[in-house]
Amino acid sequence: MKPNDDGVTVGEENFSWNKEAATLKEVTISHIRKLSEISCQELTAGYFDEKPIRVGEGFSVIRTYHPDLREAYINGVDFLLILVRHCIAQDTEGNFTEILNKLEAAENKDFDTATTEGWSKSDWVLTKLNHKKTLMKEIMLMLDRIQFFSASDGGINE
């Protein structure tokens, strides 16, 4: 799959590592970098773009799909939480488990409200996106508290 104009490369053929085997820390940092790239763009819904091109003496229309960057961010934050779940026990001063439980309860409450009131998919995605932005902030604070980025392997807090 080719990179699209949104600046985000989608597709497994574009997936590569600089080394044969990456550490969990390297994977986590790489994933945070990808989330950063997504969040620096307008978080738009997926859409098709149609452009006419000349083919011989006629015209043809090329349709290009631009992925939903809101969903990409949401899924990315969920995966980041999976990557760093092993770090939660180390966060003794921040009580990340309690924070996570509160955030999940708020998201579940909003989901129940959305289901009961018949929200549009777009309204639900925007609400979920806001929950994931809050979760991302809390994950980054937790990683800072446990000094995840500080180490002899070139952490950013060194």
N, C-alpha and C. Protein backbone atom coordinates (compact mmCIF):
# COMPACT_ATOMS: atom_id res chain seq x y z
N MET A 1 0.85 -1.18 0.00
CA MET A 1 0.00 0.00 0.00
C MET A 1 0.89 1.24 0.00
N LYS A 2 0.50 2.24 -0.72
CA LYS A 2 1.30 3.47 -0.81
C LYS A 2 0.91 4.44 0.29
N PRO A 3 1.86 5.26 0.72
CA PRO A 3 1.53 6.29 1.70
C PRO A 3 0.51 7.26 1.10
N ASN A 4 -0.40 7.74 1.96
CA ASN A 4 -1.38 8.70 1.47
C ASN A 4 -0.94 10.12 1.80
N ASP A 5 -1.73 11.08 1.37
CA ASP A 5 -1.38 12.49 1.56
C ASP A 5 -1.51 12.95 3.00
N ASP A 6 -2.09 12.11 3.87
CA ASP A 6 -2.27 12.50 5.27
C ASP A 6 -0.99 12.42 6.07
N GLY A 7 0.07 11.87 5.48
CA GLY A 7 1.33 11.75 6.19
C GLY A 7 1.43 10.51 7.04
N VAL A 8 0.41 9.65 7.01
CA VAL A 8 0.42 8.42 7.78
C VAL A 8 0.53 7.27 6.80
N THR A 9 1.45 6.37 7.04
CA THR A 9 1.62 5.21 6.18
C THR A 9 0.86 4.05 6.79
N VAL A 10 -0.04 3.48 6.00
CA VAL A 10 -0.87 2.38 6.47
C VAL A 10 -0.57 1.16 5.63
N GLY A 11 -0.50 0.01 6.25
CA GLY A 11 -0.28 -1.23 5.52
C GLY A 11 0.93 -1.96 6.02
N GLU A 12 0.83 -3.29 6.09
CA GLU A 12 1.91 -4.05 6.69
C GLU A 12 3.17 -4.11 5.84
N GLU A 13 3.07 -3.85 4.54
CA GLU A 13 4.28 -3.86 3.73
C GLU A 13 5.17 -2.65 4.04
N ASN A 14 4.63 -1.66 4.75
CA ASN A 14 5.41 -0.48 5.13
C ASN A 14 6.01 -0.63 6.52
N PHE A 15 5.79 -1.75 7.17
CA PHE A 15 6.24 -1.98 8.53
C PHE A 15 7.68 -2.48 8.50
N SER A 16 8.56 -1.82 9.23
CA SER A 16 9.94 -2.29 9.28
C SER A 16 10.60 -1.82 10.57
N TRP A 17 11.62 -2.54 10.97
CA TRP A 17 12.42 -2.19 12.14
C TRP A 17 13.84 -1.91 11.67
N ASN A 18 14.54 -1.10 12.41
CA ASN A 18 15.93 -0.81 12.08
C ASN A 18 16.85 -1.95 12.49
N LYS A 19 16.40 -2.77 13.39
CA LYS A 19 17.20 -3.88 13.90
C LYS A 19 16.44 -5.18 13.68
N GLU A 20 17.15 -6.29 13.85
CA GLU A 20 16.48 -7.59 13.71
C GLU A 20 15.49 -7.80 14.85
N ALA A 21 15.87 -7.44 16.07
CA ALA A 21 14.99 -7.62 17.22
C ALA A 21 14.95 -6.31 18.00
N ALA A 22 13.78 -5.84 18.28
CA ALA A 22 13.62 -4.59 19.02
C ALA A 22 13.20 -4.91 20.45
N THR A 23 13.64 -4.09 21.38
CA THR A 23 13.21 -4.26 22.77
C THR A 23 11.81 -3.69 22.92
N LEU A 24 11.16 -4.05 24.01
CA LEU A 24 9.82 -3.53 24.29
C LEU A 24 9.88 -2.01 24.42
N LYS A 25 10.95 -1.50 24.98
CA LYS A 25 11.11 -0.05 25.12
C LYS A 25 11.20 0.61 23.75
N GLU A 26 11.96 0.02 22.83
CA GLU A 26 12.07 0.58 21.47
C GLU A 26 10.73 0.54 20.74
N VAL A 27 10.00 -0.55 20.91
CA VAL A 27 8.68 -0.66 20.28
C VAL A 27 7.75 0.40 20.85
N THR A 28 7.80 0.59 22.17
CA THR A 28 6.94 1.58 22.83
C THR A 28 7.27 2.98 22.35
N ILE A 29 8.54 3.31 22.28
CA ILE A 29 8.96 4.64 21.82
C ILE A 29 8.55 4.85 20.36
N SER A 30 8.73 3.83 19.55
CA SER A 30 8.32 3.92 18.15
C SER A 30 6.82 4.14 18.03
N HIS A 31 6.07 3.45 18.88
CA HIS A 31 4.61 3.60 18.84
C HIS A 31 4.18 4.99 19.30
N ILE A 32 4.83 5.52 20.31
CA ILE A 32 4.54 6.88 20.77
C ILE A 32 4.85 7.87 19.65
N ARG A 33 5.92 7.63 18.92
CA ARG A 33 6.28 8.50 17.79
C ARG A 33 5.17 8.48 16.73
N LYS A 34 4.63 7.30 16.44
CA LYS A 34 3.55 7.19 15.45
C LYS A 34 2.30 7.91 15.93
N LEU A 35 1.99 7.77 17.22
CA LEU A 35 0.84 8.49 17.78
C LEU A 35 1.06 9.99 17.70
N SER A 36 2.28 10.42 17.92
CA SER A 36 2.61 11.84 17.82
C SER A 36 2.38 12.34 16.40
N GLU A 37 2.81 11.56 15.41
CA GLU A 37 2.62 11.95 14.01
C GLU A 37 1.14 12.06 13.67
N ILE A 38 0.35 11.12 14.16
CA ILE A 38 -1.09 11.16 13.90
C ILE A 38 -1.72 12.38 14.57
N SER A 39 -1.34 12.64 15.83
CA SER A 39 -1.98 13.72 16.57
C SER A 39 -1.58 15.11 16.10
N CYS A 40 -0.54 15.20 15.28
CA CYS A 40 -0.12 16.50 14.73
C CYS A 40 -0.90 16.85 13.46
N GLN A 41 -1.85 16.02 13.11
CA GLN A 41 -2.67 16.26 11.92
C GLN A 41 -4.12 16.51 12.35
N GLU A 42 -4.90 16.96 11.42
CA GLU A 42 -6.33 17.10 11.67
C GLU A 42 -6.90 15.70 11.77
N LEU A 43 -7.52 15.40 12.89
CA LEU A 43 -8.07 14.06 13.10
C LEU A 43 -9.43 13.97 12.41
N THR A 44 -9.39 13.55 11.16
CA THR A 44 -10.58 13.52 10.31
C THR A 44 -11.15 12.12 10.20
N ALA A 45 -12.42 12.06 9.85
CA ALA A 45 -13.06 10.78 9.53
C ALA A 45 -12.50 10.28 8.21
N GLY A 46 -12.62 8.98 7.98
CA GLY A 46 -12.16 8.43 6.71
C GLY A 46 -13.02 8.95 5.56
N TYR A 47 -12.40 9.12 4.41
CA TYR A 47 -13.15 9.60 3.26
C TYR A 47 -12.47 9.16 1.97
N PHE A 48 -13.25 9.19 0.89
CA PHE A 48 -12.72 8.89 -0.43
C PHE A 48 -12.49 10.20 -1.17
N ASP A 49 -11.43 10.21 -1.94
CA ASP A 49 -11.06 11.35 -2.76
C ASP A 49 -11.13 10.86 -4.21
N GLU A 50 -11.80 11.60 -5.06
CA GLU A 50 -11.90 11.21 -6.47
C GLU A 50 -11.19 12.23 -7.34
N LYS A 51 -10.33 11.73 -8.23
CA LYS A 51 -9.60 12.61 -9.13
C LYS A 51 -9.70 12.05 -10.55
N PRO A 52 -10.08 12.89 -11.48
CA PRO A 52 -10.12 12.42 -12.87
C PRO A 52 -8.72 12.40 -13.47
N ILE A 53 -8.44 11.37 -14.25
CA ILE A 53 -7.16 11.32 -14.96
C ILE A 53 -7.46 10.99 -16.43
N ARG A 54 -6.60 11.47 -17.27
CA ARG A 54 -6.76 11.24 -18.71
C ARG A 54 -6.24 9.85 -19.05
N VAL A 55 -7.06 9.08 -19.73
CA VAL A 55 -6.69 7.74 -20.19
C VAL A 55 -6.97 7.70 -21.68
N GLY A 56 -5.90 7.75 -22.46
CA GLY A 56 -6.07 7.79 -23.92
C GLY A 56 -6.80 9.06 -24.30
N GLU A 57 -7.95 8.89 -24.95
CA GLU A 57 -8.76 10.05 -25.33
C GLU A 57 -9.90 10.30 -24.37
N GLY A 58 -10.01 9.47 -23.35
CA GLY A 58 -11.10 9.63 -22.38
C GLY A 58 -10.57 9.96 -20.99
N PHE A 59 -11.47 9.87 -20.03
CA PHE A 59 -11.12 10.14 -18.64
C PHE A 59 -11.55 8.97 -17.78
N SER A 60 -10.82 8.78 -16.73
CA SER A 60 -11.14 7.77 -15.73
C SER A 60 -11.05 8.45 -14.36
N VAL A 61 -11.80 7.93 -13.41
CA VAL A 61 -11.78 8.50 -12.07
C VAL A 61 -11.05 7.54 -11.14
N ILE A 62 -10.07 8.08 -10.43
CA ILE A 62 -9.33 7.29 -9.45
C ILE A 62 -9.86 7.65 -8.07
N ARG A 63 -10.26 6.63 -7.32
CA ARG A 63 -10.74 6.84 -5.94
C ARG A 63 -9.64 6.43 -4.98
N THR A 64 -9.33 7.32 -4.05
CA THR A 64 -8.32 7.06 -3.03
C THR A 64 -8.99 7.18 -1.66
N TYR A 65 -8.77 6.17 -0.82
CA TYR A 65 -9.33 6.21 0.53
C TYR A 65 -8.31 6.82 1.49
N HIS A 66 -8.76 7.76 2.28
CA HIS A 66 -7.94 8.36 3.34
C HIS A 66 -8.47 7.81 4.66
N PRO A 67 -7.64 7.11 5.42
CA PRO A 67 -8.12 6.45 6.64
C PRO A 67 -8.61 7.43 7.69
N ASP A 68 -9.47 6.91 8.56
CA ASP A 68 -10.02 7.67 9.67
C ASP A 68 -8.92 7.85 10.72
N LEU A 69 -8.37 9.04 10.82
CA LEU A 69 -7.27 9.28 11.76
C LEU A 69 -7.75 9.30 13.21
N ARG A 70 -9.04 9.57 13.41
CA ARG A 70 -9.58 9.50 14.77
C ARG A 70 -9.52 8.07 15.29
N GLU A 71 -9.97 7.13 14.45
CA GLU A 71 -9.95 5.72 14.82
C GLU A 71 -8.51 5.22 14.95
N ALA A 72 -7.62 5.71 14.09
CA ALA A 72 -6.21 5.31 14.17
C ALA A 72 -5.63 5.74 15.52
N TYR A 73 -5.95 6.95 15.96
CA TYR A 73 -5.46 7.45 17.24
C TYR A 73 -6.04 6.62 18.39
N ILE A 74 -7.33 6.37 18.34
CA ILE A 74 -8.01 5.59 19.38
C ILE A 74 -7.37 4.21 19.50
N ASN A 75 -7.21 3.53 18.37
CA ASN A 75 -6.61 2.20 18.37
C ASN A 75 -5.16 2.24 18.82
N GLY A 76 -4.45 3.30 18.43
CA GLY A 76 -3.06 3.45 18.82
C GLY A 76 -2.89 3.61 20.32
N VAL A 77 -3.75 4.39 20.94
CA VAL A 77 -3.67 4.59 22.40
C VAL A 77 -4.02 3.28 23.11
N ASP A 78 -5.02 2.57 22.61
CA ASP A 78 -5.36 1.27 23.21
C ASP A 78 -4.17 0.31 23.14
N PHE A 79 -3.47 0.30 22.00
CA PHE A 79 -2.32 -0.58 21.87
C PHE A 79 -1.16 -0.12 22.76
N LEU A 80 -0.98 1.17 22.89
CA LEU A 80 0.06 1.68 23.79
C LEU A 80 -0.20 1.21 25.22
N LEU A 81 -1.45 1.23 25.63
CA LEU A 81 -1.79 0.75 26.98
C LEU A 81 -1.40 -0.73 27.12
N ILE A 82 -1.62 -1.52 26.08
CA ILE A 82 -1.20 -2.92 26.11
C ILE A 82 0.32 -3.02 26.26
N LEU A 83 1.04 -2.20 25.51
CA LEU A 83 2.50 -2.24 25.57
C LEU A 83 3.05 -1.89 26.95
N VAL A 84 2.42 -0.95 27.63
CA VAL A 84 2.97 -0.48 28.91
C VAL A 84 2.25 -1.05 30.12
N ARG A 85 1.33 -1.97 29.92
CA ARG A 85 0.57 -2.52 31.04
C ARG A 85 1.50 -3.12 32.10
N HIS A 86 2.61 -3.68 31.70
CA HIS A 86 3.56 -4.26 32.66
C HIS A 86 4.19 -3.21 33.58
N CYS A 87 4.11 -1.95 33.19
CA CYS A 87 4.71 -0.87 33.97
C CYS A 87 3.80 -0.36 35.09
N ILE A 88 2.54 -0.71 35.03
CA ILE A 88 1.57 -0.14 35.97
C ILE A 88 1.94 -0.44 37.41
N ALA A 89 2.40 -1.64 37.69
CA ALA A 89 2.75 -2.01 39.06
C ALA A 89 3.90 -1.17 39.60
N GLN A 90 4.74 -0.66 38.72
CA GLN A 90 5.89 0.16 39.15
C GLN A 90 5.46 1.57 39.56
N ASP A 91 4.25 1.98 39.18
CA ASP A 91 3.79 3.34 39.46
C ASP A 91 3.19 3.42 40.85
N THR A 92 4.03 3.33 41.86
CA THR A 92 3.54 3.32 43.24
C THR A 92 3.10 4.70 43.72
N GLU A 93 3.69 5.76 43.20
CA GLU A 93 3.33 7.10 43.68
C GLU A 93 2.17 7.72 42.93
N GLY A 94 1.86 7.26 41.74
CA GLY A 94 0.81 7.87 40.95
C GLY A 94 -0.51 7.15 40.96
N ASN A 95 -0.54 5.91 41.39
CA ASN A 95 -1.75 5.10 41.44
C ASN A 95 -2.46 5.06 40.09
N PHE A 96 -1.73 4.65 39.06
CA PHE A 96 -2.26 4.61 37.71
C PHE A 96 -3.45 3.67 37.58
N THR A 97 -3.45 2.58 38.37
CA THR A 97 -4.56 1.62 38.30
C THR A 97 -5.88 2.30 38.63
N GLU A 98 -5.88 3.12 39.66
CA GLU A 98 -7.10 3.84 40.06
C GLU A 98 -7.52 4.84 38.97
N ILE A 99 -6.55 5.54 38.41
CA ILE A 99 -6.83 6.49 37.33
C ILE A 99 -7.41 5.76 36.12
N LEU A 100 -6.81 4.64 35.77
CA LEU A 100 -7.28 3.85 34.63
C LEU A 100 -8.70 3.36 34.85
N ASN A 101 -8.99 2.90 36.06
CA ASN A 101 -10.35 2.43 36.37
C ASN A 101 -11.38 3.55 36.22
N LYS A 102 -11.02 4.75 36.68
CA LYS A 102 -11.93 5.90 36.55
C LYS A 102 -12.16 6.27 35.09
N LEU A 103 -11.07 6.26 34.30
CA LEU A 103 -11.19 6.60 32.88
C LEU A 103 -12.04 5.56 32.14
N GLU A 104 -11.83 4.29 32.44
CA GLU A 104 -12.61 3.23 31.80
C GLU A 104 -14.08 3.32 32.20
N ALA A 105 -14.35 3.64 33.46
CA ALA A 105 -15.74 3.78 33.93
C ALA A 105 -16.43 4.95 33.22
N ALA A 106 -15.72 6.06 33.05
CA ALA A 106 -16.30 7.21 32.36
C ALA A 106 -16.59 6.88 30.90
N GLU A 107 -15.67 6.17 30.25
CA GLU A 107 -15.88 5.79 28.86
C GLU A 107 -17.06 4.82 28.73
N ASN A 108 -17.15 3.85 29.65
CA ASN A 108 -18.27 2.90 29.62
C ASN A 108 -19.60 3.60 29.86
N LYS A 109 -19.61 4.58 30.76
CA LYS A 109 -20.83 5.35 31.03
C LYS A 109 -21.26 6.11 29.78
N ASP A 110 -20.30 6.75 29.11
CA ASP A 110 -20.62 7.47 27.88
C ASP A 110 -21.10 6.53 26.79
N PHE A 111 -20.52 5.32 26.73
CA PHE A 111 -20.96 4.34 25.74
C PHE A 111 -22.40 3.93 26.00
N ASP A 112 -22.73 3.69 27.27
CA ASP A 112 -24.12 3.34 27.62
C ASP A 112 -25.07 4.48 27.25
N THR A 113 -24.67 5.71 27.52
CA THR A 113 -25.49 6.87 27.16
C THR A 113 -25.64 6.97 25.65
N ALA A 114 -24.57 6.78 24.93
CA ALA A 114 -24.61 6.84 23.47
C ALA A 114 -25.52 5.78 22.90
N THR A 115 -25.47 4.58 23.48
CA THR A 115 -26.32 3.48 23.01
C THR A 115 -27.78 3.76 23.32
N THR A 116 -28.04 4.22 24.53
CA THR A 116 -29.41 4.49 24.96
C THR A 116 -30.03 5.65 24.17
N GLU A 117 -29.26 6.70 23.96
CA GLU A 117 -29.78 7.89 23.28
C GLU A 117 -29.64 7.82 21.77
N GLY A 118 -29.00 6.79 21.24
CA GLY A 118 -28.86 6.63 19.80
C GLY A 118 -27.96 7.65 19.14
N TRP A 119 -26.81 7.90 19.76
CA TRP A 119 -25.85 8.85 19.17
C TRP A 119 -25.40 8.35 17.80
N SER A 120 -25.01 9.27 16.96
CA SER A 120 -24.42 8.89 15.67
C SER A 120 -23.03 8.31 15.93
N LYS A 121 -22.54 7.55 14.96
CA LYS A 121 -21.19 6.99 15.10
C LYS A 121 -20.17 8.11 15.25
N SER A 122 -20.35 9.18 14.50
CA SER A 122 -19.41 10.30 14.55
C SER A 122 -19.38 10.93 15.94
N ASP A 123 -20.55 11.10 16.56
CA ASP A 123 -20.60 11.67 17.91
C ASP A 123 -19.89 10.76 18.91
N TRP A 124 -20.12 9.44 18.77
CA TRP A 124 -19.47 8.51 19.69
C TRP A 124 -17.95 8.51 19.49
N VAL A 125 -17.50 8.54 18.24
CA VAL A 125 -16.06 8.53 17.97
C VAL A 125 -15.40 9.78 18.56
N LEU A 126 -16.04 10.93 18.42
CA LEU A 126 -15.47 12.16 19.00
C LEU A 126 -15.39 12.08 20.52
N THR A 127 -16.41 11.51 21.15
CA THR A 127 -16.40 11.35 22.60
C THR A 127 -15.31 10.38 23.01
N LYS A 128 -15.21 9.26 22.30
CA LYS A 128 -14.19 8.26 22.60
C LYS A 128 -12.79 8.83 22.38
N LEU A 129 -12.64 9.64 21.34
CA LEU A 129 -11.36 10.29 21.06
C LEU A 129 -10.93 11.15 22.24
N ASN A 130 -11.85 11.90 22.81
CA ASN A 130 -11.52 12.73 23.97
C ASN A 130 -11.10 11.88 25.16
N HIS A 131 -11.76 10.73 25.36
CA HIS A 131 -11.36 9.82 26.43
C HIS A 131 -9.94 9.31 26.19
N LYS A 132 -9.62 8.98 24.95
CA LYS A 132 -8.30 8.43 24.64
C LYS A 132 -7.21 9.49 24.75
N LYS A 133 -7.53 10.74 24.45
CA LYS A 133 -6.55 11.81 24.65
C LYS A 133 -6.22 11.95 26.13
N THR A 134 -7.23 11.86 26.98
CA THR A 134 -7.00 11.91 28.43
C THR A 134 -6.17 10.71 28.88
N LEU A 135 -6.50 9.53 28.35
CA LEU A 135 -5.73 8.33 28.69
C LEU A 135 -4.28 8.47 28.24
N MET A 136 -4.06 9.03 27.07
CA MET A 136 -2.69 9.21 26.57
C MET A 136 -1.90 10.12 27.51
N LYS A 137 -2.51 11.20 27.97
CA LYS A 137 -1.84 12.09 28.92
C LYS A 137 -1.45 11.35 30.18
N GLU A 138 -2.37 10.54 30.70
CA GLU A 138 -2.11 9.79 31.93
C GLU A 138 -1.03 8.73 31.73
N ILE A 139 -1.03 8.07 30.57
CA ILE A 139 0.02 7.08 30.29
C ILE A 139 1.38 7.77 30.27
N MET A 140 1.47 8.91 29.61
CA MET A 140 2.75 9.62 29.53
C MET A 140 3.21 10.09 30.91
N LEU A 141 2.28 10.54 31.75
CA LEU A 141 2.64 10.94 33.11
C LEU A 141 3.14 9.74 33.91
N MET A 142 2.47 8.59 33.74
CA MET A 142 2.88 7.37 34.44
C MET A 142 4.27 6.94 33.99
N LEU A 143 4.52 6.97 32.67
CA LEU A 143 5.83 6.58 32.16
C LEU A 143 6.92 7.51 32.69
N ASP A 144 6.59 8.79 32.84
CA ASP A 144 7.56 9.74 33.40
C ASP A 144 7.81 9.45 34.88
N ARG A 145 6.75 9.15 35.62
CA ARG A 145 6.91 8.88 37.06
C ARG A 145 7.80 7.66 37.31
N ILE A 146 7.66 6.63 36.47
CA ILE A 146 8.47 5.43 36.68
C ILE A 146 9.82 5.53 35.97
N GLN A 147 10.07 6.68 35.36
CA GLN A 147 11.32 6.96 34.64
C GLN A 147 11.58 5.92 33.55
N PHE A 148 10.52 5.64 32.79
CA PHE A 148 10.59 4.68 31.69
C PHE A 148 11.59 5.11 30.64
N PHE A 149 11.72 6.41 30.44
CA PHE A 149 12.60 6.93 29.40
C PHE A 149 14.01 7.21 29.91
N SER A 150 14.30 6.88 31.16
CA SER A 150 15.63 7.10 31.74
C SER A 150 16.33 5.77 31.88
N ALA A 151 17.48 5.68 31.29
CA ALA A 151 18.27 4.44 31.41
C ALA A 151 19.59 4.62 30.73
N SER A 152 20.46 3.66 30.92
CA SER A 152 21.77 3.72 30.29
C SER A 152 21.70 3.48 28.79
N ASP A 153 20.50 3.10 28.30
CA ASP A 153 20.37 2.85 26.87
C ASP A 153 19.93 4.10 26.11
N GLY A 154 20.12 5.27 26.71
CA GLY A 154 19.86 6.51 25.99
C GLY A 154 18.47 7.09 26.18
N GLY A 155 17.90 6.91 27.37
CA GLY A 155 16.58 7.45 27.64
C GLY A 155 16.57 8.98 27.55
N ILE A 156 15.39 9.55 27.36
CA ILE A 156 15.30 10.99 27.15
C ILE A 156 15.50 11.79 28.42
N ASN A 157 15.33 11.17 29.60
CA ASN A 157 15.50 11.89 30.86
C ASN A 157 16.89 11.74 31.44
N GLU A 158 17.79 11.18 30.70
CA GLU A 158 19.13 10.91 31.19
C GLU A 158 19.94 12.17 31.36
